[in-house]
Amino acid sequence: MNARDLGYIAMTVTLISASAWIVVPIGEIPVTLQTAVLFLAAGLLGLKRAVFATLAYVLLGLIGVPVFAGFTGGVSKIVSPTGGYILGFLAIAFAVGGASSLLKSQTGKRRVLYLALAMSVGLLLCYALGTVWFVLVSGNGGVGFWTALTLCVLPYLPFDIVKICLAAFLTVKLSKFVKIA
């Protein structure tokens, strides 16, 4: 890692944190721009830098820095029923950053399509981890899998589809300014 990599990582952590503070409360989990920033950052930064940035973000929140949605942070947020979705951000970083690193020679519409598919896979992994976590942590059998899906996934799909389309397009347009690692 060099100074440029560290700068990209620091800037990404800052952008993810700032995007978490813009909250539209529509259910158990608020709509934020975090996933859009994660998609874009992972697409631009590649695997290593995206994973380090996402891990740094999660660790900052874990130690209590208010970087999560609604100016929250701390262990209690991670071990809450919705904490699995935050941990799922790492799946987005791996899926999108890995695909971006593998696809750096692709350009144009083909790259947009492949990145959108990688972003969809990352989101699916994030949703899977978060939903299973939600069911397990909610405890006492009070929340079933279908209930968790209807509370924590289905209302957010339209927003996430838009985020994926925009992030895939912007990643390709902005990639001429950032060397993918």
N, C-alpha and C. Protein backbone atom coordinates (compact mmCIF):
# COMPACT_ATOMS: atom_id res chain seq x y z
N MET A 1 0.84 -1.18 0.00
CA MET A 1 0.00 0.00 0.00
C MET A 1 0.88 1.24 0.00
N ASN A 2 0.47 2.20 -0.77
CA ASN A 2 1.21 3.46 -0.81
C ASN A 2 0.30 4.58 -0.30
N ALA A 3 0.83 5.79 -0.32
CA ALA A 3 0.07 6.94 0.19
C ALA A 3 -1.23 7.16 -0.59
N ARG A 4 -1.20 6.92 -1.89
CA ARG A 4 -2.41 7.09 -2.70
C ARG A 4 -3.49 6.10 -2.27
N ASP A 5 -3.10 4.85 -2.05
CA ASP A 5 -4.06 3.84 -1.59
C ASP A 5 -4.67 4.26 -0.26
N LEU A 6 -3.83 4.69 0.67
CA LEU A 6 -4.33 5.11 1.98
C LEU A 6 -5.26 6.31 1.86
N GLY A 7 -4.94 7.21 0.95
CA GLY A 7 -5.81 8.36 0.72
C GLY A 7 -7.17 7.94 0.18
N TYR A 8 -7.16 7.02 -0.79
CA TYR A 8 -8.43 6.51 -1.33
C TYR A 8 -9.25 5.82 -0.24
N ILE A 9 -8.57 5.04 0.59
CA ILE A 9 -9.26 4.33 1.67
C ILE A 9 -9.86 5.32 2.65
N ALA A 10 -9.09 6.30 3.06
CA ALA A 10 -9.60 7.31 4.02
C ALA A 10 -10.77 8.08 3.43
N MET A 11 -10.66 8.45 2.17
CA MET A 11 -11.74 9.18 1.53
C MET A 11 -13.01 8.31 1.43
N THR A 12 -12.83 7.04 1.15
CA THR A 12 -13.96 6.13 1.04
C THR A 12 -14.65 5.95 2.39
N VAL A 13 -13.86 5.78 3.45
CA VAL A 13 -14.44 5.66 4.79
C VAL A 13 -15.25 6.92 5.12
N THR A 14 -14.71 8.06 4.78
CA THR A 14 -15.40 9.32 5.02
C THR A 14 -16.72 9.40 4.24
N LEU A 15 -16.68 9.00 2.98
CA LEU A 15 -17.90 9.04 2.15
C LEU A 15 -18.95 8.05 2.62
N ILE A 16 -18.52 6.85 3.01
CA ILE A 16 -19.48 5.86 3.52
C ILE A 16 -20.13 6.41 4.79
N SER A 17 -19.30 6.98 5.67
CA SER A 17 -19.81 7.53 6.92
C SER A 17 -20.80 8.67 6.67
N ALA A 18 -20.44 9.59 5.81
CA ALA A 18 -21.32 10.72 5.50
C ALA A 18 -22.61 10.24 4.86
N SER A 19 -22.53 9.23 4.01
CA SER A 19 -23.73 8.73 3.34
C SER A 19 -24.67 8.03 4.31
N ALA A 20 -24.16 7.57 5.44
CA ALA A 20 -24.99 6.91 6.44
C ALA A 20 -25.83 7.91 7.22
N TRP A 21 -25.42 9.15 7.22
CA TRP A 21 -26.12 10.16 8.02
C TRP A 21 -27.34 10.75 7.32
N ILE A 22 -27.46 10.51 6.03
CA ILE A 22 -28.64 10.95 5.30
C ILE A 22 -29.63 9.79 5.33
N VAL A 23 -30.64 9.91 6.16
CA VAL A 23 -31.52 8.80 6.47
C VAL A 23 -32.95 9.10 6.05
N VAL A 24 -33.56 8.14 5.36
CA VAL A 24 -34.98 8.19 5.07
C VAL A 24 -35.60 6.98 5.78
N PRO A 25 -36.27 7.20 6.91
CA PRO A 25 -36.80 6.07 7.68
C PRO A 25 -38.07 5.51 7.03
N ILE A 26 -37.97 4.27 6.55
CA ILE A 26 -39.16 3.65 5.96
C ILE A 26 -39.47 2.31 6.60
N GLY A 27 -38.69 1.87 7.56
CA GLY A 27 -38.94 0.58 8.19
C GLY A 27 -37.86 0.28 9.21
N GLU A 28 -37.61 -1.00 9.40
CA GLU A 28 -36.59 -1.45 10.35
C GLU A 28 -35.22 -0.86 10.05
N ILE A 29 -34.90 -0.80 8.78
CA ILE A 29 -33.60 -0.32 8.34
C ILE A 29 -33.84 0.92 7.49
N PRO A 30 -33.21 2.03 7.83
CA PRO A 30 -33.46 3.25 7.05
C PRO A 30 -32.81 3.18 5.67
N VAL A 31 -33.37 3.92 4.73
CA VAL A 31 -32.74 4.05 3.42
C VAL A 31 -31.62 5.07 3.56
N THR A 32 -30.43 4.68 3.17
CA THR A 32 -29.29 5.59 3.15
C THR A 32 -28.61 5.44 1.79
N LEU A 33 -27.58 6.23 1.60
CA LEU A 33 -26.80 6.11 0.36
C LEU A 33 -25.56 5.23 0.54
N GLN A 34 -25.46 4.55 1.69
CA GLN A 34 -24.28 3.74 1.97
C GLN A 34 -24.00 2.70 0.89
N THR A 35 -25.02 1.96 0.51
CA THR A 35 -24.76 0.91 -0.48
C THR A 35 -24.35 1.51 -1.81
N ALA A 36 -24.93 2.64 -2.18
CA ALA A 36 -24.53 3.29 -3.43
C ALA A 36 -23.06 3.70 -3.38
N VAL A 37 -22.63 4.26 -2.25
CA VAL A 37 -21.22 4.66 -2.09
C VAL A 37 -20.33 3.42 -2.09
N LEU A 38 -20.77 2.37 -1.41
CA LEU A 38 -19.99 1.12 -1.40
C LEU A 38 -19.85 0.53 -2.81
N PHE A 39 -20.95 0.51 -3.56
CA PHE A 39 -20.89 0.00 -4.93
C PHE A 39 -19.89 0.79 -5.75
N LEU A 40 -20.03 2.10 -5.71
CA LEU A 40 -19.16 2.98 -6.49
C LEU A 40 -17.70 2.86 -6.04
N ALA A 41 -17.47 2.91 -4.74
CA ALA A 41 -16.10 2.85 -4.23
C ALA A 41 -15.44 1.52 -4.57
N ALA A 42 -16.15 0.44 -4.36
CA ALA A 42 -15.58 -0.88 -4.66
C ALA A 42 -15.31 -1.03 -6.15
N GLY A 43 -16.19 -0.48 -6.97
CA GLY A 43 -15.98 -0.53 -8.41
C GLY A 43 -14.77 0.28 -8.85
N LEU A 44 -14.53 1.38 -8.19
CA LEU A 44 -13.40 2.24 -8.54
C LEU A 44 -12.09 1.79 -7.91
N LEU A 45 -12.15 1.27 -6.70
CA LEU A 45 -10.93 0.98 -5.94
C LEU A 45 -10.38 -0.43 -6.15
N GLY A 46 -11.21 -1.36 -6.53
CA GLY A 46 -10.74 -2.73 -6.65
C GLY A 46 -10.81 -3.45 -5.31
N LEU A 47 -10.45 -4.71 -5.32
CA LEU A 47 -10.67 -5.59 -4.18
C LEU A 47 -9.96 -5.13 -2.91
N LYS A 48 -8.66 -5.00 -2.94
CA LYS A 48 -7.89 -4.74 -1.72
C LYS A 48 -8.30 -3.44 -1.04
N ARG A 49 -8.33 -2.36 -1.80
CA ARG A 49 -8.66 -1.07 -1.20
C ARG A 49 -10.11 -1.02 -0.74
N ALA A 50 -11.02 -1.63 -1.50
CA ALA A 50 -12.44 -1.63 -1.11
C ALA A 50 -12.66 -2.39 0.19
N VAL A 51 -12.02 -3.55 0.31
CA VAL A 51 -12.17 -4.34 1.53
C VAL A 51 -11.57 -3.62 2.72
N PHE A 52 -10.38 -3.04 2.57
CA PHE A 52 -9.77 -2.29 3.68
C PHE A 52 -10.64 -1.11 4.08
N ALA A 53 -11.18 -0.38 3.12
CA ALA A 53 -12.02 0.78 3.44
C ALA A 53 -13.28 0.35 4.17
N THR A 54 -13.91 -0.71 3.70
CA THR A 54 -15.15 -1.18 4.33
C THR A 54 -14.86 -1.73 5.73
N LEU A 55 -13.78 -2.46 5.86
CA LEU A 55 -13.40 -2.99 7.17
C LEU A 55 -13.10 -1.84 8.14
N ALA A 56 -12.39 -0.83 7.67
CA ALA A 56 -12.09 0.34 8.52
C ALA A 56 -13.39 1.02 8.96
N TYR A 57 -14.33 1.15 8.05
CA TYR A 57 -15.63 1.76 8.37
C TYR A 57 -16.35 0.96 9.46
N VAL A 58 -16.43 -0.35 9.27
CA VAL A 58 -17.12 -1.21 10.24
C VAL A 58 -16.41 -1.15 11.60
N LEU A 59 -15.08 -1.19 11.60
CA LEU A 59 -14.34 -1.13 12.86
C LEU A 59 -14.52 0.21 13.56
N LEU A 60 -14.55 1.31 12.81
CA LEU A 60 -14.82 2.62 13.42
C LEU A 60 -16.18 2.62 14.12
N GLY A 61 -17.17 2.10 13.44
CA GLY A 61 -18.50 2.01 14.04
C GLY A 61 -18.52 1.09 15.25
N LEU A 62 -17.79 0.00 15.16
CA LEU A 62 -17.73 -0.97 16.24
C LEU A 62 -17.16 -0.37 17.52
N ILE A 63 -16.15 0.49 17.40
CA ILE A 63 -15.55 1.09 18.59
C ILE A 63 -16.33 2.30 19.11
N GLY A 64 -17.41 2.64 18.44
CA GLY A 64 -18.30 3.67 18.96
C GLY A 64 -18.34 4.98 18.20
N VAL A 65 -17.55 5.12 17.15
CA VAL A 65 -17.62 6.34 16.35
C VAL A 65 -18.97 6.33 15.64
N PRO A 66 -19.73 7.42 15.68
CA PRO A 66 -21.09 7.42 15.12
C PRO A 66 -21.11 7.50 13.60
N VAL A 67 -20.72 6.40 12.97
CA VAL A 67 -20.65 6.37 11.50
C VAL A 67 -21.79 5.57 10.88
N PHE A 68 -22.60 4.92 11.70
CA PHE A 68 -23.71 4.14 11.17
C PHE A 68 -24.94 5.04 11.00
N ALA A 69 -25.95 4.50 10.37
CA ALA A 69 -27.17 5.27 10.09
C ALA A 69 -27.70 5.93 11.36
N GLY A 70 -28.13 7.19 11.20
CA GLY A 70 -28.71 7.93 12.31
C GLY A 70 -27.70 8.35 13.37
N PHE A 71 -26.44 8.56 12.97
CA PHE A 71 -25.38 8.98 13.90
C PHE A 71 -25.18 7.98 15.04
N THR A 72 -25.20 6.70 14.73
CA THR A 72 -25.02 5.68 15.75
C THR A 72 -23.71 4.94 15.54
N GLY A 73 -23.31 4.22 16.54
CA GLY A 73 -22.10 3.40 16.49
C GLY A 73 -22.07 2.52 17.72
N GLY A 74 -21.07 1.66 17.80
CA GLY A 74 -20.88 0.82 18.96
C GLY A 74 -21.24 -0.63 18.71
N VAL A 75 -20.79 -1.46 19.64
CA VAL A 75 -21.02 -2.90 19.55
C VAL A 75 -22.52 -3.21 19.55
N SER A 76 -23.27 -2.43 20.31
CA SER A 76 -24.72 -2.68 20.40
C SER A 76 -25.39 -2.60 19.03
N LYS A 77 -24.89 -1.75 18.18
CA LYS A 77 -25.48 -1.62 16.83
C LYS A 77 -25.17 -2.87 15.99
N ILE A 78 -23.97 -3.39 16.13
CA ILE A 78 -23.58 -4.58 15.35
C ILE A 78 -24.33 -5.82 15.85
N VAL A 79 -24.50 -5.95 17.15
CA VAL A 79 -25.18 -7.14 17.68
C VAL A 79 -26.70 -7.01 17.69
N SER A 80 -27.20 -5.89 17.20
CA SER A 80 -28.65 -5.71 17.09
C SER A 80 -29.17 -6.55 15.92
N PRO A 81 -30.47 -6.71 15.80
CA PRO A 81 -31.01 -7.50 14.70
C PRO A 81 -30.58 -7.01 13.31
N THR A 82 -30.33 -5.71 13.16
CA THR A 82 -29.95 -5.21 11.83
C THR A 82 -28.43 -5.13 11.62
N GLY A 83 -27.66 -5.54 12.59
CA GLY A 83 -26.20 -5.48 12.49
C GLY A 83 -25.62 -6.35 11.38
N GLY A 84 -26.32 -7.40 11.02
CA GLY A 84 -25.83 -8.28 9.95
C GLY A 84 -25.76 -7.58 8.61
N TYR A 85 -26.61 -6.61 8.40
CA TYR A 85 -26.55 -5.86 7.14
C TYR A 85 -25.29 -5.00 7.08
N ILE A 86 -24.87 -4.46 8.22
CA ILE A 86 -23.62 -3.70 8.25
C ILE A 86 -22.45 -4.63 7.95
N LEU A 87 -22.44 -5.80 8.57
CA LEU A 87 -21.38 -6.77 8.28
C LEU A 87 -21.45 -7.23 6.82
N GLY A 88 -22.64 -7.23 6.26
CA GLY A 88 -22.82 -7.61 4.86
C GLY A 88 -22.17 -6.64 3.89
N PHE A 89 -21.86 -5.43 4.36
CA PHE A 89 -21.14 -4.48 3.51
C PHE A 89 -19.81 -5.06 3.05
N LEU A 90 -19.21 -5.91 3.88
CA LEU A 90 -17.95 -6.55 3.49
C LEU A 90 -18.16 -7.47 2.28
N ALA A 91 -19.32 -8.12 2.21
CA ALA A 91 -19.63 -8.97 1.06
C ALA A 91 -19.72 -8.12 -0.21
N ILE A 92 -20.29 -6.93 -0.09
CA ILE A 92 -20.36 -6.02 -1.23
C ILE A 92 -18.95 -5.64 -1.67
N ALA A 93 -18.09 -5.31 -0.71
CA ALA A 93 -16.71 -4.93 -1.05
C ALA A 93 -15.99 -6.07 -1.75
N PHE A 94 -16.14 -7.29 -1.26
CA PHE A 94 -15.48 -8.44 -1.88
C PHE A 94 -16.02 -8.70 -3.29
N ALA A 95 -17.34 -8.73 -3.42
CA ALA A 95 -17.94 -9.06 -4.72
C ALA A 95 -17.65 -8.00 -5.77
N VAL A 96 -17.90 -6.75 -5.44
CA VAL A 96 -17.74 -5.67 -6.42
C VAL A 96 -16.27 -5.33 -6.62
N GLY A 97 -15.51 -5.24 -5.53
CA GLY A 97 -14.08 -4.96 -5.66
C GLY A 97 -13.35 -6.05 -6.42
N GLY A 98 -13.69 -7.31 -6.13
CA GLY A 98 -13.07 -8.43 -6.84
C GLY A 98 -13.41 -8.42 -8.32
N ALA A 99 -14.67 -8.20 -8.63
CA ALA A 99 -15.08 -8.15 -10.04
C ALA A 99 -14.41 -6.98 -10.75
N SER A 100 -14.34 -5.85 -10.08
CA SER A 100 -13.72 -4.68 -10.69
C SER A 100 -12.25 -4.94 -11.01
N SER A 101 -11.56 -5.57 -10.08
CA SER A 101 -10.16 -5.89 -10.31
C SER A 101 -10.00 -6.86 -11.48
N LEU A 102 -10.90 -7.82 -11.57
CA LEU A 102 -10.83 -8.80 -12.67
C LEU A 102 -11.24 -8.19 -14.02
N LEU A 103 -12.12 -7.20 -13.98
CA LEU A 103 -12.68 -6.63 -15.21
C LEU A 103 -12.04 -5.33 -15.64
N LYS A 104 -10.90 -4.98 -15.07
CA LYS A 104 -10.36 -3.64 -15.36
C LYS A 104 -10.03 -3.42 -16.83
N SER A 105 -9.88 -4.49 -17.59
CA SER A 105 -9.61 -4.31 -19.02
C SER A 105 -10.89 -4.11 -19.84
N GLN A 106 -12.04 -4.40 -19.25
CA GLN A 106 -13.32 -4.21 -19.94
C GLN A 106 -13.69 -2.73 -19.96
N THR A 107 -14.38 -2.32 -20.99
CA THR A 107 -14.82 -0.92 -21.08
C THR A 107 -16.27 -0.85 -21.53
N GLY A 108 -16.82 0.33 -21.45
CA GLY A 108 -18.14 0.61 -22.02
C GLY A 108 -19.28 -0.15 -21.41
N LYS A 109 -20.26 -0.47 -22.26
CA LYS A 109 -21.51 -1.09 -21.81
C LYS A 109 -21.27 -2.46 -21.18
N ARG A 110 -20.30 -3.18 -21.73
CA ARG A 110 -20.02 -4.52 -21.18
C ARG A 110 -19.55 -4.40 -19.72
N ARG A 111 -18.67 -3.44 -19.45
CA ARG A 111 -18.19 -3.23 -18.07
C ARG A 111 -19.33 -2.79 -17.16
N VAL A 112 -20.20 -1.91 -17.64
CA VAL A 112 -21.35 -1.48 -16.85
C VAL A 112 -22.21 -2.69 -16.48
N LEU A 113 -22.47 -3.54 -17.46
CA LEU A 113 -23.29 -4.73 -17.22
C LEU A 113 -22.64 -5.66 -16.21
N TYR A 114 -21.35 -5.97 -16.39
CA TYR A 114 -20.65 -6.87 -15.47
C TYR A 114 -20.59 -6.30 -14.07
N LEU A 115 -20.35 -4.99 -13.97
CA LEU A 115 -20.32 -4.37 -12.65
C LEU A 115 -21.69 -4.39 -12.00
N ALA A 116 -22.74 -4.14 -12.77
CA ALA A 116 -24.10 -4.19 -12.23
C ALA A 116 -24.42 -5.61 -11.72
N LEU A 117 -23.95 -6.61 -12.44
CA LEU A 117 -24.16 -8.00 -11.99
C LEU A 117 -23.38 -8.26 -10.70
N ALA A 118 -22.14 -7.80 -10.62
CA ALA A 118 -21.33 -7.97 -9.41
C ALA A 118 -21.97 -7.22 -8.23
N MET A 119 -22.48 -6.03 -8.49
CA MET A 119 -23.15 -5.26 -7.44
C MET A 119 -24.40 -5.99 -6.97
N SER A 120 -25.11 -6.60 -7.88
CA SER A 120 -26.31 -7.38 -7.52
C SER A 120 -25.94 -8.58 -6.67
N VAL A 121 -24.86 -9.26 -7.04
CA VAL A 121 -24.39 -10.40 -6.24
C VAL A 121 -23.97 -9.93 -4.85
N GLY A 122 -23.21 -8.84 -4.78
CA GLY A 122 -22.80 -8.30 -3.49
C GLY A 122 -23.99 -7.93 -2.63
N LEU A 123 -24.98 -7.30 -3.23
CA LEU A 123 -26.19 -6.92 -2.49
C LEU A 123 -26.94 -8.16 -2.03
N LEU A 124 -27.03 -9.16 -2.89
CA LEU A 124 -27.70 -10.41 -2.52
C LEU A 124 -27.00 -11.06 -1.33
N LEU A 125 -25.67 -11.08 -1.34
CA LEU A 125 -24.92 -11.63 -0.21
C LEU A 125 -25.15 -10.81 1.06
N CYS A 126 -25.16 -9.50 0.92
CA CYS A 126 -25.42 -8.61 2.06
C CYS A 126 -26.82 -8.87 2.62
N TYR A 127 -27.79 -8.96 1.75
CA TYR A 127 -29.15 -9.24 2.17
C TYR A 127 -29.25 -10.61 2.84
N ALA A 128 -28.58 -11.61 2.28
CA ALA A 128 -28.64 -12.96 2.85
C ALA A 128 -28.05 -12.97 4.26
N LEU A 129 -26.87 -12.40 4.42
CA LEU A 129 -26.24 -12.35 5.73
C LEU A 129 -27.09 -11.55 6.71
N GLY A 130 -27.54 -10.39 6.28
CA GLY A 130 -28.34 -9.54 7.15
C GLY A 130 -29.66 -10.16 7.56
N THR A 131 -30.31 -10.83 6.63
CA THR A 131 -31.61 -11.43 6.92
C THR A 131 -31.48 -12.61 7.86
N VAL A 132 -30.49 -13.47 7.62
CA VAL A 132 -30.26 -14.59 8.53
C VAL A 132 -29.91 -14.06 9.92
N TRP A 133 -29.05 -13.05 9.97
CA TRP A 133 -28.68 -12.43 11.24
C TRP A 133 -29.93 -11.88 11.94
N PHE A 134 -30.77 -11.19 11.19
CA PHE A 134 -31.99 -10.59 11.75
C PHE A 134 -32.86 -11.67 12.39
N VAL A 135 -33.03 -12.78 11.69
CA VAL A 135 -33.87 -13.87 12.21
C VAL A 135 -33.24 -14.46 13.47
N LEU A 136 -31.94 -14.71 13.45
CA LEU A 136 -31.26 -15.33 14.58
C LEU A 136 -31.19 -14.42 15.80
N VAL A 137 -30.90 -13.16 15.59
CA VAL A 137 -30.71 -12.23 16.71
C VAL A 137 -32.05 -11.77 17.27
N SER A 138 -33.09 -11.76 16.47
CA SER A 138 -34.40 -11.35 16.96
C SER A 138 -34.89 -12.27 18.06
N GLY A 139 -34.44 -13.52 18.02
CA GLY A 139 -34.65 -14.45 19.13
C GLY A 139 -36.06 -14.92 19.36
N ASN A 140 -36.14 -15.95 20.19
CA ASN A 140 -37.40 -16.55 20.64
C ASN A 140 -38.33 -16.93 19.49
N GLY A 141 -37.79 -17.14 18.32
CA GLY A 141 -38.62 -17.53 17.19
C GLY A 141 -39.65 -16.49 16.81
N GLY A 142 -39.46 -15.26 17.27
CA GLY A 142 -40.43 -14.20 17.05
C GLY A 142 -40.49 -13.71 15.62
N VAL A 143 -39.41 -13.85 14.88
CA VAL A 143 -39.38 -13.38 13.50
C VAL A 143 -38.94 -14.51 12.59
N GLY A 144 -39.79 -14.84 11.64
CA GLY A 144 -39.46 -15.86 10.68
C GLY A 144 -38.73 -15.27 9.48
N PHE A 145 -38.24 -16.13 8.64
CA PHE A 145 -37.47 -15.69 7.48
C PHE A 145 -38.30 -14.81 6.55
N TRP A 146 -39.52 -15.20 6.28
CA TRP A 146 -40.37 -14.42 5.37
C TRP A 146 -40.69 -13.04 5.98
N THR A 147 -40.94 -13.00 7.25
CA THR A 147 -41.20 -11.72 7.92
C THR A 147 -39.98 -10.83 7.83
N ALA A 148 -38.80 -11.41 8.05
CA ALA A 148 -37.56 -10.63 7.95
C ALA A 148 -37.38 -10.10 6.53
N LEU A 149 -37.68 -10.91 5.53
CA LEU A 149 -37.58 -10.44 4.14
C LEU A 149 -38.54 -9.28 3.88
N THR A 150 -39.76 -9.39 4.37
CA THR A 150 -40.73 -8.33 4.10
C THR A 150 -40.41 -7.04 4.88
N LEU A 151 -39.75 -7.18 6.02
CA LEU A 151 -39.37 -6.00 6.80
C LEU A 151 -38.08 -5.35 6.31
N CYS A 152 -37.11 -6.20 5.95
CA CYS A 152 -35.73 -5.71 5.78
C CYS A 152 -35.19 -5.77 4.36
N VAL A 153 -35.89 -6.40 3.44
CA VAL A 153 -35.35 -6.53 2.08
C VAL A 153 -36.30 -5.97 1.04
N LEU A 154 -37.49 -6.50 0.97
CA LEU A 154 -38.41 -6.16 -0.12
C LEU A 154 -38.69 -4.66 -0.26
N PRO A 155 -38.88 -3.91 0.83
CA PRO A 155 -39.14 -2.47 0.66
C PRO A 155 -37.96 -1.70 0.07
N TYR A 156 -36.76 -2.28 0.14
CA TYR A 156 -35.54 -1.57 -0.27
C TYR A 156 -35.08 -1.92 -1.67
N LEU A 157 -35.66 -2.96 -2.25
CA LEU A 157 -35.22 -3.39 -3.59
C LEU A 157 -35.33 -2.30 -4.65
N PRO A 158 -36.42 -1.57 -4.74
CA PRO A 158 -36.48 -0.53 -5.79
C PRO A 158 -35.36 0.52 -5.63
N PHE A 159 -35.09 0.93 -4.40
CA PHE A 159 -34.01 1.89 -4.15
C PHE A 159 -32.66 1.30 -4.56
N ASP A 160 -32.45 0.02 -4.20
CA ASP A 160 -31.17 -0.61 -4.49
C ASP A 160 -30.96 -0.86 -5.98
N ILE A 161 -32.01 -1.12 -6.71
CA ILE A 161 -31.88 -1.28 -8.16
C ILE A 161 -31.41 0.02 -8.79
N VAL A 162 -31.99 1.12 -8.35
CA VAL A 162 -31.57 2.44 -8.85
C VAL A 162 -30.12 2.71 -8.47
N LYS A 163 -29.75 2.39 -7.22
CA LYS A 163 -28.37 2.60 -6.77
C LYS A 163 -27.38 1.79 -7.61
N ILE A 164 -27.73 0.55 -7.91
CA ILE A 164 -26.85 -0.30 -8.71
C ILE A 164 -26.68 0.26 -10.11
N CYS A 165 -27.77 0.65 -10.73
CA CYS A 165 -27.68 1.20 -12.10
C CYS A 165 -26.81 2.46 -12.13
N LEU A 166 -27.05 3.36 -11.20
CA LEU A 166 -26.26 4.60 -11.15
C LEU A 166 -24.80 4.32 -10.82
N ALA A 167 -24.56 3.46 -9.85
CA ALA A 167 -23.18 3.18 -9.44
C ALA A 167 -22.40 2.48 -10.54
N ALA A 168 -23.01 1.54 -11.25
CA ALA A 168 -22.30 0.84 -12.33
C ALA A 168 -21.94 1.82 -13.44
N PHE A 169 -22.89 2.67 -13.80
CA PHE A 169 -22.64 3.67 -14.84
C PHE A 169 -21.55 4.65 -14.41
N LEU A 170 -21.67 5.18 -13.19
CA LEU A 170 -20.69 6.15 -12.70
C LEU A 170 -19.30 5.54 -12.53
N THR A 171 -19.25 4.28 -12.13
CA THR A 171 -17.96 3.61 -11.98
C THR A 171 -17.20 3.61 -13.29
N VAL A 172 -17.89 3.27 -14.36
CA VAL A 172 -17.23 3.23 -15.67
C VAL A 172 -16.82 4.63 -16.11
N LYS A 173 -17.69 5.61 -15.88
CA LYS A 173 -17.37 6.99 -16.28
C LYS A 173 -16.21 7.57 -15.48
N LEU A 174 -16.14 7.24 -14.20
CA LEU A 174 -15.11 7.82 -13.33
C LEU A 174 -13.82 7.00 -13.29
N SER A 175 -13.85 5.80 -13.83
CA SER A 175 -12.68 4.92 -13.73
C SER A 175 -11.45 5.47 -14.46
N LYS A 176 -11.65 6.39 -15.37
CA LYS A 176 -10.49 6.98 -16.05
C LYS A 176 -9.69 7.88 -15.11
N PHE A 177 -10.28 8.25 -13.96
CA PHE A 177 -9.61 9.10 -12.99
C PHE A 177 -8.95 8.35 -11.84
N VAL A 178 -9.32 7.07 -11.70
CA VAL A 178 -8.81 6.25 -10.59
C VAL A 178 -8.22 4.98 -11.16
N LYS A 179 -6.98 4.68 -10.82
CA LYS A 179 -6.35 3.43 -11.27
C LYS A 179 -6.82 2.31 -10.37
N ILE A 180 -7.52 1.33 -10.93
CA ILE A 180 -8.05 0.21 -10.17
C ILE A 180 -6.90 -0.70 -9.77
N ALA A 181 -6.89 -1.06 -8.50
CA ALA A 181 -5.82 -1.91 -7.97
C ALA A 181 -6.14 -3.37 -8.24
